């Protein structure tokens, strides 16, 4: 089992096996996690590697260092095999958003894609994985856990970016461009690689 958490200035990997990474390695149960996270965020090293024989148990303890936010989104395909991206604040992203009361994650994902891109006739596919990224809000460190689902659009609806959410564009982007120099977040690249969208 492996967890990969993306920070603004690096990443944290928690696993029960070593990977070929040139990161400092710490045994999770003996590590001073808060101190190490501040050192990571200060740019002291590009990543941290925590090892533990029971990563699922260690993960539950790791989450206690954050305010956790749950969200869901979609890897949306059109008939040409292109993927739906949104453009906001100078970077491409996948449509997603926070869960609302009474929703399951699949419902959140469908609602958010519809709201952010104007698509109404989406077909839900399979679960594609989850991503973890950390940011600061005020003086609190937050972790957003996003559940992702494959979806399919007939491709004949107009894309309408949700401008009140700061979305400037919504576009279908081909795999060659995604695999090239598309400016997106590291956790999105990692998700698409893990979901075998490319690579």
C-alpha atoms as a PDB file:
ATOM      1  CA  UNK A   1       0.000   0.000   0.000  1.00  0.00           C
ATOM      2  CA  UNK A   2       1.264   3.455  -0.867  1.00  0.00           C
ATOM      3  CA  UNK A   3      -0.034   6.944  -0.070  1.00  0.00           C
ATOM      4  CA  UNK A   4       1.370   9.944  -1.912  1.00  0.00           C
ATOM      5  CA  UNK A   5       0.496  13.386  -0.554  1.00  0.00           C
ATOM      6  CA  UNK A   6       1.296  16.511  -2.543  1.00  0.00           C
ATOM      7  CA  UNK A   7       2.375  19.728  -0.835  1.00  0.00           C
ATOM      8  CA  UNK A   8       3.097  23.079  -2.442  1.00  0.00           C
ATOM      9  CA  UNK A   9       6.845  22.426  -2.218  1.00  0.00           C
ATOM     10  CA  UNK A  10       7.151  18.672  -2.271  1.00  0.00           C
ATOM     11  CA  UNK A  11       5.513  15.386  -1.466  1.00  0.00           C
ATOM     12  CA  UNK A  12       5.175  12.842   1.313  1.00  0.00           C
ATOM     13  CA  UNK A  13       5.122   9.124   0.598  1.00  0.00           C
ATOM     14  CA  UNK A  14       3.900   6.636   3.182  1.00  0.00           C
ATOM     15  CA  UNK A  15       4.390   2.974   2.362  1.00  0.00           C
ATOM     16  CA  UNK A  16       5.338  -0.450   3.695  1.00  0.00           C
ATOM     17  CA  UNK A  17       8.098  -0.845   1.085  1.00  0.00           C
ATOM     18  CA  UNK A  18      11.012   1.238  -0.099  1.00  0.00           C
ATOM     19  CA  UNK A  19      10.899   3.037  -3.421  1.00  0.00           C
ATOM     20  CA  UNK A  20      13.753   4.332  -5.534  1.00  0.00           C
ATOM     21  CA  UNK A  21      13.471   7.895  -4.229  1.00  0.00           C
ATOM     22  CA  UNK A  22      16.234  10.158  -2.973  1.00  0.00           C
ATOM     23  CA  UNK A  23      14.173  11.417  -0.053  1.00  0.00           C
ATOM     24  CA  UNK A  24      15.009  11.282   3.662  1.00  0.00           C
ATOM     25  CA  UNK A  25      13.506   8.078   5.085  1.00  0.00           C
ATOM     26  CA  UNK A  26      11.872   7.892   8.503  1.00  0.00           C
ATOM     27  CA  UNK A  27      10.136   5.104  10.375  1.00  0.00           C
ATOM     28  CA  UNK A  28       6.706   6.643  10.822  1.00  0.00           C
ATOM     29  CA  UNK A  29       6.045   5.559  14.392  1.00  0.00           C
ATOM     30  CA  UNK A  30       9.299   7.154  15.611  1.00  0.00           C
ATOM     31  CA  UNK A  31       9.208  10.313  13.481  1.00  0.00           C
ATOM     32  CA  UNK A  32       8.446  13.840  14.662  1.00  0.00           C
ATOM     33  CA  UNK A  33       5.906  14.353  11.899  1.00  0.00           C
ATOM     34  CA  UNK A  34       4.934  18.009  12.572  1.00  0.00           C
ATOM     35  CA  UNK A  35       8.574  19.113  12.623  1.00  0.00           C
ATOM     36  CA  UNK A  36       9.347  17.194   9.431  1.00  0.00           C
ATOM     37  CA  UNK A  37       6.336  18.689   7.636  1.00  0.00           C
ATOM     38  CA  UNK A  38       7.481  22.219   8.467  1.00  0.00           C
ATOM     39  CA  UNK A  39      10.945  21.404   7.155  1.00  0.00           C
ATOM     40  CA  UNK A  40       9.411  20.051   3.937  1.00  0.00           C
ATOM     41  CA  UNK A  41       7.218  23.120   3.518  1.00  0.00           C
ATOM     42  CA  UNK A  42      10.248  25.316   4.096  1.00  0.00           C
ATOM     43  CA  UNK A  43      11.942  23.748   1.089  1.00  0.00           C
ATOM     44  CA  UNK A  44      14.620  21.874   3.022  1.00  0.00           C
ATOM     45  CA  UNK A  45      14.077  18.759   0.905  1.00  0.00           C
ATOM     46  CA  UNK A  46      11.861  17.846  -2.072  1.00  0.00           C
ATOM     47  CA  UNK A  47      10.077  15.004  -0.340  1.00  0.00           C
ATOM     48  CA  UNK A  48       9.762  12.782   2.716  1.00  0.00           C
ATOM     49  CA  UNK A  49       9.461   9.030   2.838  1.00  0.00           C
ATOM     50  CA  UNK A  50       7.741   7.400   5.814  1.00  0.00           C
ATOM     51  CA  UNK A  51       7.899   3.656   6.091  1.00  0.00           C
ATOM     52  CA  UNK A  52       5.618   1.535   8.270  1.00  0.00           C
ATOM     53  CA  UNK A  53       4.705  -2.164   8.187  1.00  0.00           C
ATOM     54  CA  UNK A  54       1.029  -1.185   8.523  1.00  0.00           C
ATOM     55  CA  UNK A  55       0.576   1.851   6.267  1.00  0.00           C
ATOM     56  CA  UNK A  56      -3.224   1.913   6.600  1.00  0.00           C
ATOM     57  CA  UNK A  57      -2.908   2.276  10.371  1.00  0.00           C
ATOM     58  CA  UNK A  58      -0.123   4.854  10.019  1.00  0.00           C
ATOM     59  CA  UNK A  59      -2.261   6.779   7.518  1.00  0.00           C
ATOM     60  CA  UNK A  60      -5.059   7.208  10.084  1.00  0.00           C
ATOM     61  CA  UNK A  61      -2.529   8.711  12.500  1.00  0.00           C
ATOM     62  CA  UNK A  62      -1.047  10.901   9.756  1.00  0.00           C
ATOM     63  CA  UNK A  63      -4.461  12.413   8.991  1.00  0.00           C
ATOM     64  CA  UNK A  64      -4.674  13.731  12.568  1.00  0.00           C
ATOM     65  CA  UNK A  65      -2.144  16.427  11.637  1.00  0.00           C
ATOM     66  CA  UNK A  66      -4.606  18.019   9.178  1.00  0.00           C
ATOM     67  CA  UNK A  67      -8.091  19.387   8.850  1.00  0.00           C
ATOM     68  CA  UNK A  68      -9.463  16.922   6.283  1.00  0.00           C
ATOM     69  CA  UNK A  69     -11.776  18.052   3.467  1.00  0.00           C
ATOM     70  CA  UNK A  70     -13.493  15.560   1.165  1.00  0.00           C
ATOM     71  CA  UNK A  71     -14.185  16.245  -2.486  1.00  0.00           C
ATOM     72  CA  UNK A  72     -14.958  14.340  -5.679  1.00  0.00           C
ATOM     73  CA  UNK A  73     -14.473  14.914  -9.365  1.00  0.00           C
ATOM     74  CA  UNK A  74     -14.375  13.407 -12.807  1.00  0.00           C
ATOM     75  CA  UNK A  75     -12.006  12.175 -15.472  1.00  0.00           C
ATOM     76  CA  UNK A  76     -14.467  12.881 -18.274  1.00  0.00           C
ATOM     77  CA  UNK A  77     -14.026  11.409 -21.774  1.00  0.00           C
ATOM     78  CA  UNK A  78     -15.717  12.454 -24.989  1.00  0.00           C
ATOM     79  CA  UNK A  79     -16.234  10.118 -28.000  1.00  0.00           C
ATOM     80  CA  UNK A  80     -12.852  11.196 -29.435  1.00  0.00           C
ATOM     81  CA  UNK A  81     -11.064  10.036 -26.279  1.00  0.00           C
ATOM     82  CA  UNK A  82     -10.220  13.562 -25.154  1.00  0.00           C
ATOM     83  CA  UNK A  83     -10.322  14.517 -21.467  1.00  0.00           C
ATOM     84  CA  UNK A  84     -12.261  17.450 -20.017  1.00  0.00           C
ATOM     85  CA  UNK A  85     -10.103  20.070 -18.270  1.00  0.00           C
ATOM     86  CA  UNK A  86     -10.889  23.402 -16.667  1.00  0.00           C
ATOM     87  CA  UNK A  87      -8.570  26.423 -16.662  1.00  0.00           C
ATOM     88  CA  UNK A  88      -8.384  28.564 -13.540  1.00  0.00           C
ATOM     89  CA  UNK A  89      -5.722  30.913 -12.158  1.00  0.00           C
ATOM     90  CA  UNK A  90      -3.236  30.035 -14.883  1.00  0.00           C
ATOM     91  CA  UNK A  91      -3.326  26.252 -14.540  1.00  0.00           C
ATOM     92  CA  UNK A  92      -5.320  23.351 -15.998  1.00  0.00           C
ATOM     93  CA  UNK A  93      -7.243  21.114 -13.610  1.00  0.00           C
ATOM     94  CA  UNK A  94      -9.939  18.461 -13.632  1.00  0.00           C
ATOM     95  CA  UNK A  95     -13.459  19.434 -12.518  1.00  0.00           C
ATOM     96  CA  UNK A  96     -14.087  18.641  -8.869  1.00  0.00           C
ATOM     97  CA  UNK A  97     -15.593  20.053  -5.689  1.00  0.00           C
ATOM     98  CA  UNK A  98     -16.441  19.504  -2.045  1.00  0.00           C
ATOM     99  CA  UNK A  99     -19.080  17.034  -0.979  1.00  0.00           C
ATOM    100  CA  UNK A 100     -22.397  18.301   0.300  1.00  0.00           C
ATOM    101  CA  UNK A 101     -24.571  16.842   3.041  1.00  0.00           C
ATOM    102  CA  UNK A 102     -26.428  13.729   1.955  1.00  0.00           C
ATOM    103  CA  UNK A 103     -24.305  13.090  -1.145  1.00  0.00           C
ATOM    104  CA  UNK A 104     -22.157  10.092  -1.833  1.00  0.00           C
ATOM    105  CA  UNK A 105     -18.896  10.706  -3.674  1.00  0.00           C
ATOM    106  CA  UNK A 106     -20.218   9.657  -7.084  1.00  0.00           C
ATOM    107  CA  UNK A 107     -23.119  12.106  -6.747  1.00  0.00           C
ATOM    108  CA  UNK A 108     -20.713  14.879  -5.780  1.00  0.00           C
ATOM    109  CA  UNK A 109     -18.508  14.127  -8.767  1.00  0.00           C
ATOM    110  CA  UNK A 110     -21.421  14.232 -11.234  1.00  0.00           C
ATOM    111  CA  UNK A 111     -22.835  17.432  -9.721  1.00  0.00           C
ATOM    112  CA  UNK A 112     -19.496  19.227  -9.711  1.00  0.00           C
ATOM    113  CA  UNK A 113     -18.655  18.346 -13.317  1.00  0.00           C
ATOM    114  CA  UNK A 114     -22.119  19.490 -14.387  1.00  0.00           C
ATOM    115  CA  UNK A 115     -21.867  22.766 -12.450  1.00  0.00           C
ATOM    116  CA  UNK A 116     -18.309  23.609 -13.445  1.00  0.00           C
ATOM    117  CA  UNK A 117     -18.593  22.713 -17.140  1.00  0.00           C
ATOM    118  CA  UNK A 118     -22.287  22.849 -18.027  1.00  0.00           C
ATOM    119  CA  UNK A 119     -22.638  19.188 -19.024  1.00  0.00           C
ATOM    120  CA  UNK A 120     -25.997  17.593 -18.259  1.00  0.00           C
ATOM    121  CA  UNK A 121     -25.858  14.191 -19.965  1.00  0.00           C
ATOM    122  CA  UNK A 122     -22.953  12.534 -18.206  1.00  0.00           C
ATOM    123  CA  UNK A 123     -22.654   8.795 -17.817  1.00  0.00           C
ATOM    124  CA  UNK A 124     -20.870   7.599 -14.674  1.00  0.00           C
ATOM    125  CA  UNK A 125     -18.099   5.067 -15.154  1.00  0.00           C
ATOM    126  CA  UNK A 126     -15.894   3.291 -12.645  1.00  0.00           C
ATOM    127  CA  UNK A 127     -13.986   4.610  -9.651  1.00  0.00           C
ATOM    128  CA  UNK A 128     -10.562   5.851 -10.776  1.00  0.00           C
ATOM    129  CA  UNK A 129      -8.721   6.502  -7.498  1.00  0.00           C
ATOM    130  CA  UNK A 130      -8.087   9.308  -5.056  1.00  0.00           C
ATOM    131  CA  UNK A 131      -5.609  12.123  -4.597  1.00  0.00           C
ATOM    132  CA  UNK A 132      -4.299  13.955  -1.557  1.00  0.00           C
ATOM    133  CA  UNK A 133      -3.024  17.490  -1.504  1.00  0.00           C
ATOM    134  CA  UNK A 134      -2.185  19.852   1.340  1.00  0.00           C
ATOM    135  CA  UNK A 135      -2.579  23.600   1.581  1.00  0.00           C
ATOM    136  CA  UNK A 136      -2.768  26.278   4.247  1.00  0.00           C
ATOM    137  CA  UNK A 137      -5.947  28.210   4.954  1.00  0.00           C
ATOM    138  CA  UNK A 138      -5.436  30.892   7.564  1.00  0.00           C
ATOM    139  CA  UNK A 139      -3.276  29.214  10.185  1.00  0.00           C
ATOM    140  CA  UNK A 140      -4.640  25.731   9.558  1.00  0.00           C
ATOM    141  CA  UNK A 141      -3.060  23.027   7.446  1.00  0.00           C
ATOM    142  CA  UNK A 142      -5.731  21.340   5.317  1.00  0.00           C
ATOM    143  CA  UNK A 143      -5.676  18.089   3.383  1.00  0.00           C
ATOM    144  CA  UNK A 144      -8.109  17.650   0.534  1.00  0.00           C
ATOM    145  CA  UNK A 145      -8.938  14.023  -0.217  1.00  0.00           C
ATOM    146  CA  UNK A 146     -10.537  13.829  -3.649  1.00  0.00           C
ATOM    147  CA  UNK A 147     -12.299  10.735  -4.991  1.00  0.00           C
ATOM    148  CA  UNK A 148     -12.231  10.471  -8.784  1.00  0.00           C
ATOM    149  CA  UNK A 149     -14.594   8.739 -11.204  1.00  0.00           C
ATOM    150  CA  UNK A 150     -14.398   8.092 -14.903  1.00  0.00           C
ATOM    151  CA  UNK A 151     -17.282   9.647 -16.789  1.00  0.00           C
ATOM    152  CA  UNK A 152     -18.417   9.808 -20.369  1.00  0.00           C
ATOM    153  CA  UNK A 153     -20.027  12.664 -22.285  1.00  0.00           C
ATOM    154  CA  UNK A 154     -21.758  12.287 -25.652  1.00  0.00           C
ATOM    155  CA  UNK A 155     -19.656  15.275 -26.736  1.00  0.00           C
ATOM    156  CA  UNK A 156     -22.488  17.222 -28.346  1.00  0.00           C
ATOM    157  CA  UNK A 157     -23.131  19.649 -25.469  1.00  0.00           C
ATOM    158  CA  UNK A 158     -21.556  23.082 -25.266  1.00  0.00           C
ATOM    159  CA  UNK A 159     -18.992  23.522 -22.498  1.00  0.00           C
ATOM    160  CA  UNK A 160     -19.980  26.378 -20.178  1.00  0.00           C
ATOM    161  CA  UNK A 161     -17.281  27.260 -17.620  1.00  0.00           C
ATOM    162  CA  UNK A 162     -18.582  28.271 -14.196  1.00  0.00           C
ATOM    163  CA  UNK A 163     -17.146  31.770 -14.145  1.00  0.00           C
ATOM    164  CA  UNK A 164     -18.381  32.654 -10.668  1.00  0.00           C
ATOM    165  CA  UNK A 165     -16.003  29.926  -9.441  1.00  0.00           C
ATOM    166  CA  UNK A 166     -13.144  31.551 -11.347  1.00  0.00           C
ATOM    167  CA  UNK A 167     -13.134  29.012 -14.182  1.00  0.00           C
ATOM    168  CA  UNK A 168     -12.032  30.816 -17.333  1.00  0.00           C
ATOM    169  CA  UNK A 169     -12.221  27.905 -19.785  1.00  0.00           C
ATOM    170  CA  UNK A 170     -13.463  24.336 -20.072  1.00  0.00           C
ATOM    171  CA  UNK A 171     -11.928  22.362 -22.937  1.00  0.00           C
ATOM    172  CA  UNK A 172     -11.468  18.858 -24.303  1.00  0.00           C
ATOM    173  CA  UNK A 173      -7.742  18.106 -24.355  1.00  0.00           C
ATOM    174  CA  UNK A 174      -6.108  15.222 -26.180  1.00  0.00           C
ATOM    175  CA  UNK A 175      -3.799  12.683 -24.547  1.00  0.00           C
ATOM    176  CA  UNK A 176      -0.733  13.835 -26.474  1.00  0.00           C
ATOM    177  CA  UNK A 177      -1.057  17.310 -24.991  1.00  0.00           C
ATOM    178  CA  UNK A 178      -1.711  15.908 -21.495  1.00  0.00           C
ATOM    179  CA  UNK A 179       1.379  13.731 -21.766  1.00  0.00           C
ATOM    180  CA  UNK A 180       3.401  16.700 -23.017  1.00  0.00           C
ATOM    181  CA  UNK A 181       3.736  20.100 -21.437  1.00  0.00           C
ATOM    182  CA  UNK A 182       0.211  20.776 -20.167  1.00  0.00           C
ATOM    183  CA  UNK A 183       0.556  22.959 -17.069  1.00  0.00           C
ATOM    184  CA  UNK A 184      -1.382  21.125 -14.386  1.00  0.00           C
ATOM    185  CA  UNK A 185      -0.949  20.055 -10.766  1.00  0.00           C
ATOM    186  CA  UNK A 186       1.390  17.187  -9.800  1.00  0.00           C
ATOM    187  CA  UNK A 187      -1.458  15.303  -8.121  1.00  0.00           C
ATOM    188  CA  UNK A 188      -3.483  15.455 -11.360  1.00  0.00           C
ATOM    189  CA  UNK A 189      -0.558  14.084 -13.385  1.00  0.00           C
ATOM    190  CA  UNK A 190      -0.139  11.333 -10.794  1.00  0.00           C
ATOM    191  CA  UNK A 191      -3.867  10.494 -10.884  1.00  0.00           C
ATOM    192  CA  UNK A 192      -3.933  10.232 -14.678  1.00  0.00           C
ATOM    193  CA  UNK A 193      -0.854   8.027 -14.651  1.00  0.00           C
ATOM    194  CA  UNK A 194      -2.302   5.740 -11.954  1.00  0.00           C
ATOM    195  CA  UNK A 195      -5.646   5.602 -13.758  1.00  0.00           C
ATOM    196  CA  UNK A 196      -3.758   4.573 -16.915  1.00  0.00           C
ATOM    197  CA  UNK A 197      -5.070   7.520 -18.891  1.00  0.00           C
ATOM    198  CA  UNK A 198      -1.577   7.833 -20.344  1.00  0.00           C
ATOM    199  CA  UNK A 199       1.916   6.503 -19.740  1.00  0.00           C
END
